[in-house]
Amino acid sequence: MIQTVGIVARRNLEKHSKIFASCVKYLEAKGKDIYFEKRVAEVLKLKKYKELVLGKTHVDLVLVMGGDGTILRVISKMKEMDTVFFGINMGHLGFLSEIPPISIQKTLDKVLAGKCSIDRRMMLSIELHRGGKKLRNLHALNEVAVTQGTLCRLISLKTKVDGQKLATFKADGLIVATPTGSTAYSLSAGGPIVHPNLNAFILTPINPHSFNQKPIVLPDDKKIDILIESDYKTMNLTIDGQRNVRVKQGDHVKIKKGSFVGFLRLPTEHYFKNLRNKLGWGERVEKCY
C-alpha cells in the first residue's frame, strides 16, 4: 500500500509546472500524503508544504520527475533503500525513468491500483581505504569509476578478485558496473550490455594501453580490490557520475555486492523494447549518401 509519496525533480523544469500541479492534484484526490523536494515546491510556488529531505524523510514511493541522472542523484543521497522509485522521463534516454509526462495520470492509476511489479536492481557497496583505515563507505546503482583526472597519462590500477590477481590495468581508468549500469558509462567505454536480471559485475578498462585488456564479466559474489599504484595530483573515484572523491597513490577501492533498490514497473515495459527504442540496438541502420 502506497500512502506517502515524495516528489523530486531535475533542475530547469519550470515549464512543466502544470504537469507537476496536475500530478499533485491527482495524488491529493487519492488521499495521499505528499512530500516535496524544495525545488519542486519552488516551481509550484508553495508557501506551506511537507519537505522531502533525501536520506532523512521516509516515504513509500519516490516519484522522480526527470531523467536517469535525477534518479541517480536521489539514490546517491539515500541511506536506506526501503522505498520504491517510479520515474517520469523528462530527460533523454530514460532506462530507469521510462514513462513520458503525458501518461502520468493513467500510469498512476495503475500504480496505485497495484497493477505493477517491483523490479529489484543490485547496487555496489564501495569502500575507500587509506593507510589501512576505511575512509568512506559509498553505494552506486550504475557504476564506480577510478580515473586520472587532469593529464593525458595512463593510470596503473592493480586489481584483485577474491584476493587473486586479475590484472594491472594501465588505462585512463577502470569502471566496475552493475548490469543496470552496463548501458551507461561502461557501454561508452566498450563494455557489453548485460541483462539487469543477471547477477554480475562488469569490469571495463577505459582506453587501455594493451589490446589484451578487455572487459570481463564476473559473478556478483566476488570481492574486487583496486590498488592505485600511480602518483598523480588529481585522481578520482566517481560514483554514478554524481559524486566525486579524490584518491591517492596506495589507496584501495574495495567493491562488493550491495543492497537492492526497487523500481515500479508496468506490464507494458520491456527491457528489449527499451534497447531498441533508446539505443537503436539490433535495428538496421540505413545508409545515407
Protein backbone atom coordinates (compact mmCIF):
# COMPACT_ATOMS: atom_id res chain seq x y z
CA MET A 1 0.00 0.00 0.00
CA ILE A 2 1.32 3.41 -1.00
CA GLN A 3 0.24 6.16 1.38
CA THR A 4 3.16 8.61 1.43
CA VAL A 5 4.64 9.96 -1.80
CA GLY A 6 7.74 12.11 -2.23
CA ILE A 7 8.14 14.18 -5.40
CA VAL A 8 11.60 15.10 -6.69
CA ALA A 9 12.65 16.72 -9.95
CA ARG A 10 15.61 17.75 -12.01
CA ARG A 11 16.55 21.38 -12.49
CA ASN A 12 15.02 23.76 -15.02
CA LEU A 13 11.56 22.22 -15.11
CA GLU A 14 9.59 25.44 -14.60
CA LYS A 15 7.93 24.95 -17.99
CA HIS A 16 6.42 21.71 -16.67
CA SER A 17 4.74 23.34 -13.66
CA LYS A 18 1.28 22.44 -15.00
CA ILE A 19 2.25 18.77 -15.15
CA PHE A 20 3.52 18.93 -11.57
CA ALA A 21 0.34 20.67 -10.41
CA SER A 22 -1.94 18.12 -12.08
CA CYS A 23 0.08 15.27 -10.55
CA VAL A 24 -0.22 16.80 -7.08
CA LYS A 25 -3.96 17.39 -7.53
CA TYR A 26 -4.42 13.76 -8.57
CA LEU A 27 -2.48 12.42 -5.55
CA GLU A 28 -4.40 14.69 -3.17
CA ALA A 29 -7.68 13.42 -4.62
CA LYS A 30 -6.50 9.89 -3.86
CA GLY A 31 -5.83 10.88 -0.24
CA LYS A 32 -2.05 10.51 -0.40
CA ASP A 33 0.33 12.27 1.95
CA ILE A 34 2.73 14.26 -0.26
CA TYR A 35 6.26 15.45 0.50
CA PHE A 36 8.01 17.88 -1.82
CA GLU A 37 11.66 18.35 -2.62
CA LYS A 38 12.43 22.04 -2.18
CA ARG A 39 12.96 22.72 -5.88
CA VAL A 40 9.55 21.18 -6.70
CA ALA A 41 7.85 23.35 -4.07
CA GLU A 42 9.51 26.41 -5.60
CA VAL A 43 8.26 25.51 -9.09
CA LEU A 44 4.75 25.10 -7.70
CA LYS A 45 5.14 28.29 -5.61
CA LEU A 46 4.05 26.51 -2.45
CA LYS A 47 4.31 28.53 0.76
CA LYS A 48 3.46 25.71 3.13
CA TYR A 49 4.42 22.13 2.35
CA LYS A 50 5.93 18.99 3.83
CA GLU A 51 9.58 18.95 2.78
CA LEU A 52 11.21 15.81 1.46
CA VAL A 53 14.77 15.67 2.76
CA LEU A 54 16.59 12.91 0.89
CA GLY A 55 18.19 10.43 3.23
CA LYS A 56 16.04 11.56 6.17
CA THR A 57 12.37 11.62 5.21
CA HIS A 58 10.79 8.20 4.75
CA VAL A 59 8.10 7.77 2.10
CA ASP A 60 6.53 4.70 0.50
CA LEU A 61 7.13 5.93 -3.04
CA VAL A 62 9.55 8.43 -4.56
CA LEU A 63 8.12 9.91 -7.76
CA VAL A 64 11.03 11.17 -9.85
CA MET A 65 10.26 13.83 -12.45
CA GLY A 66 13.36 13.88 -14.64
CA GLY A 67 15.79 11.53 -16.35
CA ASP A 68 18.04 8.74 -15.17
CA GLY A 69 20.51 11.31 -13.83
CA THR A 70 17.86 12.59 -11.43
CA ILE A 71 17.20 9.08 -10.16
CA LEU A 72 20.92 8.51 -9.64
CA ARG A 73 21.18 11.83 -7.77
CA VAL A 74 18.34 10.83 -5.45
CA ILE A 75 19.74 7.35 -4.81
CA SER A 76 23.21 8.76 -4.08
CA LYS A 77 21.71 10.72 -1.16
CA MET A 78 19.64 7.88 0.26
CA LYS A 79 20.89 6.00 3.30
CA GLU A 80 18.32 3.20 3.34
CA MET A 81 16.67 1.73 0.23
CA ASP A 82 13.41 0.82 1.98
CA THR A 83 11.30 2.72 -0.54
CA VAL A 84 10.43 2.21 -4.19
CA PHE A 85 11.02 4.58 -7.10
CA PHE A 86 8.97 5.47 -10.13
CA GLY A 87 10.42 7.63 -12.88
CA ILE A 88 8.62 10.04 -15.17
CA ASN A 89 11.03 10.58 -18.06
CA MET A 90 11.72 14.26 -18.65
CA GLY A 91 15.31 13.60 -19.67
CA HIS A 92 16.81 11.84 -22.67
CA LEU A 93 17.42 8.06 -22.76
CA GLY A 94 15.48 7.14 -19.65
CA PHE A 95 16.37 3.50 -18.96
CA LEU A 96 15.29 3.90 -15.34
CA SER A 97 12.64 6.56 -15.91
CA GLU A 98 10.54 5.22 -18.73
CA ILE A 99 7.08 6.82 -18.60
CA PRO A 100 6.52 10.07 -20.58
CA PRO A 101 4.84 13.03 -18.83
CA ILE A 102 1.71 12.71 -20.94
CA SER A 103 0.99 9.31 -19.36
CA ILE A 104 1.29 10.34 -15.70
CA GLN A 105 -2.34 10.13 -14.56
CA LYS A 106 -3.11 6.93 -16.47
CA THR A 107 0.10 5.39 -15.15
CA LEU A 108 -0.52 6.42 -11.54
CA ASP A 109 -3.99 4.86 -11.75
CA LYS A 110 -2.31 1.52 -12.44
CA VAL A 111 0.42 2.02 -9.84
CA LEU A 112 -1.99 2.88 -7.02
CA ALA A 113 -4.23 0.00 -8.05
CA GLY A 114 -1.30 -2.38 -7.65
CA LYS A 115 -1.15 -3.24 -11.36
CA CYS A 116 2.63 -3.19 -11.41
CA SER A 117 5.63 -5.17 -10.22
CA ILE A 118 8.79 -4.28 -8.33
CA ASP A 119 11.99 -4.54 -10.35
CA ARG A 120 14.83 -5.08 -7.84
CA ARG A 121 18.21 -3.83 -9.04
CA MET A 122 21.51 -4.71 -7.39
CA MET A 123 23.78 -1.94 -6.17
CA LEU A 124 27.51 -1.76 -5.48
CA SER A 125 28.92 -1.38 -1.98
CA ILE A 126 32.16 0.61 -2.17
CA GLU A 127 34.78 1.21 0.49
CA LEU A 128 37.77 3.54 0.18
CA HIS A 129 40.73 2.51 2.35
CA ARG A 130 43.87 4.57 3.01
CA GLY A 131 46.76 3.55 5.23
CA GLY A 132 44.86 0.52 6.48
CA LYS A 133 41.84 2.60 7.56
CA LYS A 134 38.42 2.85 5.96
CA LEU A 135 37.78 6.45 4.89
CA ARG A 136 34.48 6.27 3.01
CA ASN A 137 31.56 3.90 2.58
CA LEU A 138 29.58 4.57 -0.60
CA HIS A 139 26.99 2.93 -2.84
CA ALA A 140 26.28 3.02 -6.57
CA LEU A 141 23.47 1.81 -8.80
CA ASN A 142 25.25 2.10 -12.16
CA GLU A 143 28.99 2.11 -11.63
CA VAL A 144 32.09 3.25 -9.82
CA ALA A 145 35.00 4.56 -11.90
CA VAL A 146 38.61 5.14 -10.89
CA THR A 147 40.25 7.65 -13.23
CA GLN A 148 43.18 10.04 -13.66
CA GLY A 149 41.68 13.47 -13.97
CA THR A 150 43.94 16.13 -15.44
CA LEU A 151 46.72 14.88 -17.71
CA CYS A 152 46.70 12.60 -20.76
CA ARG A 153 48.58 9.88 -18.91
CA LEU A 154 47.70 6.32 -18.06
CA ILE A 155 46.87 5.31 -14.51
CA SER A 156 48.11 2.00 -13.07
CA LEU A 157 45.43 0.01 -11.22
CA LYS A 158 46.40 -3.34 -9.69
CA THR A 159 43.17 -5.31 -9.48
CA LYS A 160 42.45 -8.44 -7.45
CA VAL A 161 39.35 -10.63 -7.29
CA ASP A 162 38.84 -12.57 -4.06
CA GLY A 163 42.48 -11.91 -3.22
CA GLN A 164 43.81 -13.30 -6.51
CA LYS A 165 45.47 -11.01 -9.05
CA LEU A 166 43.30 -10.31 -12.08
CA ALA A 167 45.43 -7.73 -13.90
CA THR A 168 47.26 -4.46 -13.53
CA PHE A 169 45.27 -2.17 -15.79
CA LYS A 170 47.24 0.64 -17.41
CA ALA A 171 44.49 2.81 -18.82
CA ASP A 172 42.65 6.11 -18.47
CA GLY A 173 40.73 4.36 -15.72
CA LEU A 174 38.66 1.35 -14.74
CA ILE A 175 34.87 1.03 -14.46
CA VAL A 176 33.13 -1.52 -12.26
CA ALA A 177 29.46 -1.61 -13.26
CA THR A 178 26.29 -3.43 -12.33
CA PRO A 179 24.07 -4.94 -15.05
CA THR A 180 21.89 -1.83 -14.67
CA GLY A 181 24.96 0.31 -15.41
CA SER A 182 26.02 -1.80 -18.38
CA THR A 183 24.09 0.56 -20.71
CA ALA A 184 25.70 3.67 -19.19
CA TYR A 185 29.38 4.71 -18.88
CA SER A 186 30.62 1.12 -19.26
CA LEU A 187 28.89 0.80 -22.64
CA SER A 188 30.51 4.05 -23.83
CA ALA A 189 33.91 2.60 -22.88
CA GLY A 190 33.31 -0.56 -24.90
CA GLY A 191 31.72 -2.79 -22.27
CA PRO A 192 28.99 -5.36 -23.00
CA ILE A 193 25.25 -4.96 -22.50
CA VAL A 194 24.23 -7.25 -19.62
CA HIS A 195 20.61 -8.03 -18.78
CA PRO A 196 19.70 -6.50 -15.38
CA ASN A 197 18.37 -9.83 -14.05
CA LEU A 198 21.85 -11.38 -14.19
CA ASN A 199 23.95 -11.50 -11.05
CA ALA A 200 27.19 -9.98 -12.28
CA PHE A 201 29.84 -7.27 -12.19
CA ILE A 202 31.27 -5.77 -15.38
CA LEU A 203 34.88 -4.58 -15.30
CA THR A 204 35.65 -2.27 -18.21
CA PRO A 205 39.06 -0.59 -18.65
CA ILE A 206 38.89 2.89 -20.18
CA ASN A 207 41.21 3.20 -23.19
CA PRO A 208 43.68 0.52 -22.03
CA HIS A 209 47.24 0.62 -23.35
CA SER A 210 47.21 -3.13 -24.06
CA PHE A 211 44.93 -4.73 -26.66
CA ASN A 212 44.78 -7.75 -24.36
CA GLN A 213 42.94 -5.91 -21.58
CA LYS A 214 39.30 -6.35 -22.49
CA PRO A 215 36.11 -6.02 -20.42
CA ILE A 216 35.30 -9.00 -18.22
CA VAL A 217 32.06 -10.13 -16.55
CA LEU A 218 32.35 -11.63 -13.06
CA PRO A 219 29.86 -13.28 -10.68
CA ASP A 220 28.42 -10.86 -8.14
CA ASP A 221 29.60 -12.93 -5.16
CA LYS A 222 33.19 -11.87 -5.86
CA LYS A 223 35.05 -9.16 -3.96
CA ILE A 224 37.09 -6.71 -6.01
CA ASP A 225 40.11 -4.78 -4.74
CA ILE A 226 41.67 -2.00 -6.81
CA LEU A 227 45.06 -0.68 -5.65
CA ILE A 228 46.01 2.73 -7.07
CA GLU A 229 49.69 2.48 -7.97
CA SER A 230 50.14 5.78 -9.82
CA ASP A 231 51.06 9.03 -8.11
CA TYR A 232 49.25 11.89 -9.83
CA LYS A 233 47.98 15.06 -8.24
CA THR A 234 44.40 14.51 -9.41
CA MET A 235 42.86 11.03 -9.36
CA ASN A 236 39.18 10.46 -8.85
CA LEU A 237 36.69 7.93 -7.57
CA THR A 238 33.40 8.75 -9.30
CA ILE A 239 30.08 7.27 -8.17
CA ASP A 240 27.26 7.09 -10.75
CA GLY A 241 28.54 10.32 -12.29
CA GLN A 242 27.06 12.13 -9.26
CA ARG A 243 29.72 12.08 -6.55
CA ASN A 244 33.45 12.56 -6.85
CA VAL A 245 36.08 11.61 -4.24
CA ARG A 246 39.80 12.38 -4.63
CA VAL A 247 42.07 9.35 -4.25
CA LYS A 248 45.82 8.95 -3.77
CA GLN A 249 48.62 6.52 -4.51
CA GLY A 250 48.30 3.50 -2.23
CA ASP A 251 44.53 3.80 -1.79
CA HIS A 252 42.43 0.65 -2.03
CA VAL A 253 38.95 0.69 -3.55
CA LYS A 254 37.06 -2.37 -2.31
CA ILE A 255 33.85 -3.32 -4.12
CA LYS A 256 31.25 -5.97 -3.42
CA LYS A 257 27.56 -6.61 -3.95
CA GLY A 258 25.44 -4.13 -2.05
CA SER A 259 21.76 -3.80 -1.24
CA PHE A 260 18.92 -3.75 -3.75
CA VAL A 261 16.76 -0.85 -4.86
CA GLY A 262 13.20 -1.27 -6.15
CA PHE A 263 11.59 0.35 -9.22
CA LEU A 264 7.92 0.06 -10.03
CA ARG A 265 7.34 -1.40 -13.49
CA LEU A 266 4.19 -1.69 -15.56
CA PRO A 267 3.37 -4.86 -17.54
CA THR A 268 3.88 -2.94 -20.79
CA GLU A 269 7.53 -2.15 -20.01
CA HIS A 270 10.02 -4.47 -21.68
CA TYR A 271 13.82 -4.36 -21.46
CA PHE A 272 14.46 -5.37 -25.07
CA LYS A 273 11.97 -2.80 -26.32
CA ASN A 274 13.91 -0.15 -24.41
CA LEU A 275 17.18 -1.29 -26.00
CA ARG A 276 15.69 -0.93 -29.47
CA ASN A 277 13.91 2.37 -28.83
CA LYS A 278 16.58 4.14 -26.81
CA LEU A 279 19.83 2.78 -28.28
CA GLY A 280 18.66 1.56 -31.67
CA TRP A 281 20.17 -1.79 -30.64
CA GLY A 282 19.70 -4.61 -33.16
CA GLU A 283 17.99 -2.30 -35.64
CA ARG A 284 19.10 -1.95 -39.23
CA VAL A 285 20.69 1.42 -39.99
CA GLU A 286 20.02 2.73 -43.47
CA LYS A 287 22.99 4.20 -45.28
CA CYS A 288 22.83 7.86 -46.22
CA TYR A 289 24.77 9.26 -49.15
